[in-house]
């Protein structure tokens, strides 16, 4: 059973959020730019992973990014189900990652 929507309360929350965005305009813009940058980076990583499983080192080399940046993004993508572990490399030394099913 769903609760009926309290339109007055929803409107009040919406107005409060709009006021907060106005008060913190600089940090909102900064955050939006940061998210945009992260999305762009993850798009590059996903493009590489479409070719098949990669290690962090392979992704770093292919995308011209630092290993630490690649590791950070792949870890986040793993946490949110965008990539999955795809076994180990042929030397059984490093994990390989691939796109999760349904991720484009």
N, C-alpha and C. Protein backbone atom coordinates (compact mmCIF):
# COMPACT_ATOMS: atom_id res chain seq x y z
N UNK A 1 0.85 -1.17 0.00
CA UNK A 1 0.00 0.00 0.00
C UNK A 1 0.90 1.24 0.00
N UNK A 2 0.65 2.16 -0.90
CA UNK A 2 1.46 3.37 -0.97
C UNK A 2 0.78 4.50 -0.22
N UNK A 3 1.63 5.38 0.31
CA UNK A 3 1.10 6.53 1.02
C UNK A 3 0.70 7.61 0.01
N UNK A 4 -0.39 8.32 0.28
CA UNK A 4 -0.76 9.40 -0.62
C UNK A 4 0.31 10.51 -0.57
N UNK A 5 0.51 11.16 -1.68
CA UNK A 5 1.51 12.23 -1.77
C UNK A 5 0.95 13.50 -1.14
N UNK A 6 1.73 14.04 -0.22
CA UNK A 6 1.37 15.32 0.41
C UNK A 6 1.95 16.41 -0.48
N UNK A 7 1.11 16.99 -1.35
CA UNK A 7 1.57 17.97 -2.33
C UNK A 7 2.15 19.21 -1.67
N UNK A 8 1.58 19.63 -0.58
CA UNK A 8 2.08 20.82 0.11
C UNK A 8 3.48 20.58 0.67
N UNK A 9 3.69 19.41 1.25
CA UNK A 9 5.01 19.08 1.80
C UNK A 9 6.03 18.93 0.68
N UNK A 10 5.63 18.33 -0.44
CA UNK A 10 6.53 18.16 -1.59
C UNK A 10 6.91 19.52 -2.16
N UNK A 11 5.96 20.43 -2.24
CA UNK A 11 6.23 21.77 -2.75
C UNK A 11 7.18 22.52 -1.81
N UNK A 12 6.97 22.35 -0.51
CA UNK A 12 7.83 23.01 0.48
C UNK A 12 9.27 22.50 0.37
N UNK A 13 9.43 21.16 0.23
CA UNK A 13 10.78 20.59 0.08
C UNK A 13 11.43 21.09 -1.20
N UNK A 14 10.66 21.18 -2.26
CA UNK A 14 11.18 21.65 -3.54
C UNK A 14 11.65 23.10 -3.43
N UNK A 15 10.87 23.92 -2.76
CA UNK A 15 11.24 25.33 -2.57
C UNK A 15 12.49 25.45 -1.70
N UNK A 16 12.57 24.61 -0.67
CA UNK A 16 13.76 24.62 0.20
C UNK A 16 15.01 24.24 -0.58
N UNK A 17 14.91 23.24 -1.44
CA UNK A 17 16.06 22.82 -2.24
C UNK A 17 16.47 23.91 -3.21
N UNK A 18 15.51 24.58 -3.81
CA UNK A 18 15.81 25.69 -4.72
C UNK A 18 16.54 26.81 -3.99
N UNK A 19 16.09 27.11 -2.77
CA UNK A 19 16.76 28.14 -1.96
C UNK A 19 18.18 27.73 -1.61
N UNK A 20 18.37 26.47 -1.24
CA UNK A 20 19.71 25.98 -0.92
C UNK A 20 20.64 26.05 -2.12
N UNK A 21 20.12 25.69 -3.30
CA UNK A 21 20.93 25.77 -4.51
C UNK A 21 21.36 27.20 -4.78
N UNK A 22 20.45 28.16 -4.56
CA UNK A 22 20.78 29.58 -4.76
C UNK A 22 21.84 30.03 -3.76
N UNK A 23 21.71 29.61 -2.51
CA UNK A 23 22.64 30.01 -1.46
C UNK A 23 24.04 29.44 -1.70
N UNK A 24 24.09 28.27 -2.29
CA UNK A 24 25.37 27.58 -2.48
C UNK A 24 25.69 27.42 -3.97
N UNK A 25 25.39 28.44 -4.74
CA UNK A 25 25.52 28.38 -6.19
C UNK A 25 26.91 27.97 -6.63
N UNK A 26 27.95 28.53 -6.03
CA UNK A 26 29.32 28.21 -6.41
C UNK A 26 29.63 26.73 -6.20
N UNK A 27 29.29 26.21 -5.03
CA UNK A 27 29.60 24.81 -4.76
C UNK A 27 28.74 23.88 -5.62
N UNK A 28 27.54 24.29 -5.93
CA UNK A 28 26.69 23.49 -6.82
C UNK A 28 27.33 23.43 -8.21
N UNK A 29 27.79 24.57 -8.72
CA UNK A 29 28.44 24.59 -10.04
C UNK A 29 29.72 23.76 -10.03
N UNK A 30 30.49 23.88 -8.95
CA UNK A 30 31.73 23.11 -8.81
C UNK A 30 31.43 21.61 -8.82
N UNK A 31 30.42 21.22 -8.09
CA UNK A 31 30.03 19.80 -8.02
C UNK A 31 29.56 19.30 -9.38
N UNK A 32 28.78 20.11 -10.07
CA UNK A 32 28.30 19.72 -11.40
C UNK A 32 29.47 19.51 -12.36
N UNK A 33 30.47 20.39 -12.31
CA UNK A 33 31.65 20.24 -13.16
C UNK A 33 32.43 18.98 -12.81
N UNK A 34 32.53 18.70 -11.51
CA UNK A 34 33.24 17.50 -11.06
C UNK A 34 32.54 16.23 -11.56
N UNK A 35 31.22 16.19 -11.43
CA UNK A 35 30.45 15.03 -11.88
C UNK A 35 30.58 14.88 -13.40
N UNK A 36 30.53 15.99 -14.11
CA UNK A 36 30.66 15.96 -15.57
C UNK A 36 32.03 15.38 -15.96
N UNK A 37 33.06 15.79 -15.26
CA UNK A 37 34.41 15.29 -15.52
C UNK A 37 34.51 13.80 -15.23
N UNK A 38 33.93 13.36 -14.11
CA UNK A 38 33.94 11.94 -13.77
C UNK A 38 33.21 11.12 -14.83
N UNK A 39 32.08 11.61 -15.28
CA UNK A 39 31.30 10.89 -16.30
C UNK A 39 32.09 10.76 -17.60
N UNK A 40 32.79 11.82 -17.96
CA UNK A 40 33.61 11.81 -19.18
C UNK A 40 34.72 10.76 -19.05
N UNK A 41 35.37 10.73 -17.89
CA UNK A 41 36.43 9.75 -17.65
C UNK A 41 35.89 8.33 -17.70
N UNK A 42 34.77 8.11 -17.08
CA UNK A 42 34.18 6.76 -17.06
C UNK A 42 33.72 6.33 -18.44
N UNK A 43 33.32 7.28 -19.25
CA UNK A 43 32.94 6.97 -20.63
C UNK A 43 34.16 6.47 -21.41
N UNK A 44 35.31 7.10 -21.19
CA UNK A 44 36.55 6.67 -21.84
C UNK A 44 36.92 5.26 -21.38
N UNK A 45 36.81 4.99 -20.08
CA UNK A 45 37.11 3.66 -19.55
C UNK A 45 36.15 2.61 -20.11
N UNK A 46 34.88 2.96 -20.19
CA UNK A 46 33.89 2.01 -20.73
C UNK A 46 34.19 1.70 -22.19
N UNK A 47 34.62 2.71 -22.93
CA UNK A 47 34.95 2.50 -24.34
C UNK A 47 36.08 1.46 -24.47
N UNK A 48 37.08 1.56 -23.60
CA UNK A 48 38.18 0.59 -23.63
C UNK A 48 37.70 -0.79 -23.22
N UNK A 49 36.84 -0.85 -22.23
CA UNK A 49 36.36 -2.14 -21.73
C UNK A 49 35.43 -2.85 -22.71
N UNK A 50 34.87 -2.10 -23.66
CA UNK A 50 34.01 -2.73 -24.67
C UNK A 50 34.80 -3.72 -25.51
N UNK A 51 36.12 -3.49 -25.61
CA UNK A 51 36.96 -4.39 -26.40
C UNK A 51 37.26 -5.69 -25.68
N UNK A 52 36.94 -5.75 -24.39
CA UNK A 52 37.17 -6.96 -23.61
C UNK A 52 37.81 -6.63 -22.27
N UNK A 53 38.03 -7.65 -21.45
CA UNK A 53 38.59 -7.45 -20.12
C UNK A 53 39.98 -6.81 -20.15
N UNK A 54 40.22 -5.95 -19.16
CA UNK A 54 41.50 -5.26 -19.02
C UNK A 54 41.93 -5.26 -17.55
N UNK A 55 43.23 -5.18 -17.34
CA UNK A 55 43.75 -4.93 -16.00
C UNK A 55 43.79 -3.41 -15.80
N UNK A 56 44.03 -2.99 -14.57
CA UNK A 56 44.16 -1.56 -14.29
C UNK A 56 45.31 -0.97 -15.10
N UNK A 57 46.43 -1.68 -15.15
CA UNK A 57 47.60 -1.20 -15.90
C UNK A 57 47.29 -1.05 -17.38
N UNK A 58 46.59 -2.03 -17.94
CA UNK A 58 46.23 -1.95 -19.36
C UNK A 58 45.31 -0.77 -19.63
N UNK A 59 44.34 -0.57 -18.75
CA UNK A 59 43.43 0.56 -18.92
C UNK A 59 44.19 1.89 -18.82
N UNK A 60 45.10 1.97 -17.85
CA UNK A 60 45.87 3.20 -17.67
C UNK A 60 46.69 3.51 -18.92
N UNK A 61 47.32 2.48 -19.46
CA UNK A 61 48.15 2.68 -20.66
C UNK A 61 47.29 3.06 -21.86
N UNK A 62 46.19 2.37 -22.02
CA UNK A 62 45.32 2.59 -23.18
C UNK A 62 44.64 3.96 -23.15
N UNK A 63 44.33 4.45 -21.94
CA UNK A 63 43.59 5.72 -21.82
C UNK A 63 44.50 6.90 -21.47
N UNK A 64 45.80 6.61 -21.28
CA UNK A 64 46.77 7.65 -20.92
C UNK A 64 46.39 8.34 -19.60
N UNK A 65 45.95 7.51 -18.66
CA UNK A 65 45.61 7.99 -17.32
C UNK A 65 46.56 7.35 -16.32
N UNK A 66 46.64 7.93 -15.13
CA UNK A 66 47.46 7.32 -14.09
C UNK A 66 46.76 6.06 -13.57
N UNK A 67 47.56 5.12 -13.09
CA UNK A 67 46.99 3.89 -12.54
C UNK A 67 46.11 4.19 -11.35
N UNK A 68 46.51 5.16 -10.53
CA UNK A 68 45.71 5.47 -9.34
C UNK A 68 44.34 6.05 -9.73
N UNK A 69 44.31 6.89 -10.77
CA UNK A 69 43.02 7.42 -11.24
C UNK A 69 42.14 6.31 -11.80
N UNK A 70 42.75 5.43 -12.60
CA UNK A 70 42.00 4.32 -13.18
C UNK A 70 41.46 3.42 -12.06
N UNK A 71 42.31 3.11 -11.09
CA UNK A 71 41.87 2.26 -9.97
C UNK A 71 40.71 2.90 -9.23
N UNK A 72 40.79 4.20 -8.99
CA UNK A 72 39.72 4.91 -8.28
C UNK A 72 38.41 4.79 -9.05
N UNK A 73 38.46 5.07 -10.36
CA UNK A 73 37.23 5.03 -11.16
C UNK A 73 36.69 3.61 -11.31
N UNK A 74 37.58 2.66 -11.55
CA UNK A 74 37.13 1.27 -11.70
C UNK A 74 36.52 0.78 -10.39
N UNK A 75 37.10 1.16 -9.27
CA UNK A 75 36.54 0.77 -7.97
C UNK A 75 35.13 1.32 -7.79
N UNK A 76 34.95 2.57 -8.16
CA UNK A 76 33.61 3.17 -8.07
C UNK A 76 32.65 2.48 -9.03
N UNK A 77 33.12 2.21 -10.25
CA UNK A 77 32.27 1.54 -11.24
C UNK A 77 31.92 0.13 -10.78
N UNK A 78 32.85 -0.53 -10.11
CA UNK A 78 32.60 -1.87 -9.56
C UNK A 78 31.54 -1.79 -8.47
N UNK A 79 31.68 -0.80 -7.61
CA UNK A 79 30.73 -0.63 -6.49
C UNK A 79 29.31 -0.41 -7.00
N UNK A 80 29.17 0.32 -8.11
CA UNK A 80 27.84 0.64 -8.62
C UNK A 80 27.39 -0.28 -9.74
N UNK A 81 28.10 -1.40 -9.91
CA UNK A 81 27.64 -2.42 -10.84
C UNK A 81 27.86 -2.14 -12.31
N UNK A 82 28.75 -1.21 -12.63
CA UNK A 82 29.03 -0.90 -14.03
C UNK A 82 30.09 -1.82 -14.61
N UNK A 83 30.99 -2.31 -13.77
CA UNK A 83 31.99 -3.28 -14.20
C UNK A 83 31.97 -4.47 -13.24
N UNK A 84 32.55 -5.56 -13.70
CA UNK A 84 32.66 -6.76 -12.88
C UNK A 84 34.08 -7.30 -12.99
N UNK A 85 34.48 -8.07 -11.98
CA UNK A 85 35.77 -8.75 -12.06
C UNK A 85 35.63 -9.85 -13.10
N UNK A 86 36.66 -9.97 -13.95
CA UNK A 86 36.60 -10.94 -15.05
C UNK A 86 37.78 -11.90 -14.98
N UNK A 87 38.12 -12.32 -13.78
CA UNK A 87 39.22 -13.26 -13.62
C UNK A 87 40.55 -12.56 -13.44
N UNK A 88 41.61 -13.32 -13.69
CA UNK A 88 42.98 -12.82 -13.52
C UNK A 88 43.67 -12.77 -14.88
N UNK A 89 44.75 -11.98 -14.95
CA UNK A 89 45.52 -11.95 -16.19
C UNK A 89 46.24 -13.29 -16.37
N UNK A 90 46.91 -13.47 -17.48
CA UNK A 90 47.51 -14.78 -17.78
C UNK A 90 48.62 -15.18 -16.80
N UNK A 91 49.24 -14.21 -16.13
CA UNK A 91 50.26 -14.52 -15.13
C UNK A 91 49.66 -14.74 -13.74
N UNK A 92 48.32 -14.66 -13.65
CA UNK A 92 47.63 -14.80 -12.37
C UNK A 92 48.13 -13.80 -11.34
N UNK A 93 48.41 -12.57 -11.84
CA UNK A 93 48.97 -11.55 -10.98
C UNK A 93 48.01 -10.39 -10.71
N UNK A 94 47.22 -10.03 -11.72
CA UNK A 94 46.33 -8.88 -11.60
C UNK A 94 44.90 -9.26 -11.97
N UNK A 95 43.95 -8.61 -11.29
CA UNK A 95 42.55 -8.78 -11.65
C UNK A 95 42.26 -8.10 -12.97
N UNK A 96 41.32 -8.66 -13.69
CA UNK A 96 40.85 -8.07 -14.93
C UNK A 96 39.41 -7.64 -14.71
N UNK A 97 39.01 -6.62 -15.41
CA UNK A 97 37.67 -6.06 -15.28
C UNK A 97 37.03 -5.96 -16.65
N UNK A 98 35.72 -6.17 -16.67
CA UNK A 98 34.95 -6.00 -17.90
C UNK A 98 33.66 -5.28 -17.57
N UNK A 99 33.00 -4.82 -18.60
CA UNK A 99 31.71 -4.16 -18.39
C UNK A 99 30.68 -5.17 -17.89
N UNK A 100 29.85 -4.74 -17.01
CA UNK A 100 28.76 -5.58 -16.53
C UNK A 100 27.73 -5.74 -17.67
N UNK A 101 26.99 -6.81 -17.60
CA UNK A 101 25.96 -7.04 -18.63
C UNK A 101 24.97 -5.88 -18.64
N UNK A 102 24.64 -5.44 -19.85
CA UNK A 102 23.66 -4.38 -20.00
C UNK A 102 24.24 -2.97 -19.94
N UNK A 103 25.53 -2.85 -19.61
CA UNK A 103 26.15 -1.51 -19.55
C UNK A 103 26.67 -1.17 -20.95
N UNK A 104 26.33 0.03 -21.38
CA UNK A 104 26.78 0.47 -22.71
C UNK A 104 27.81 1.54 -22.59
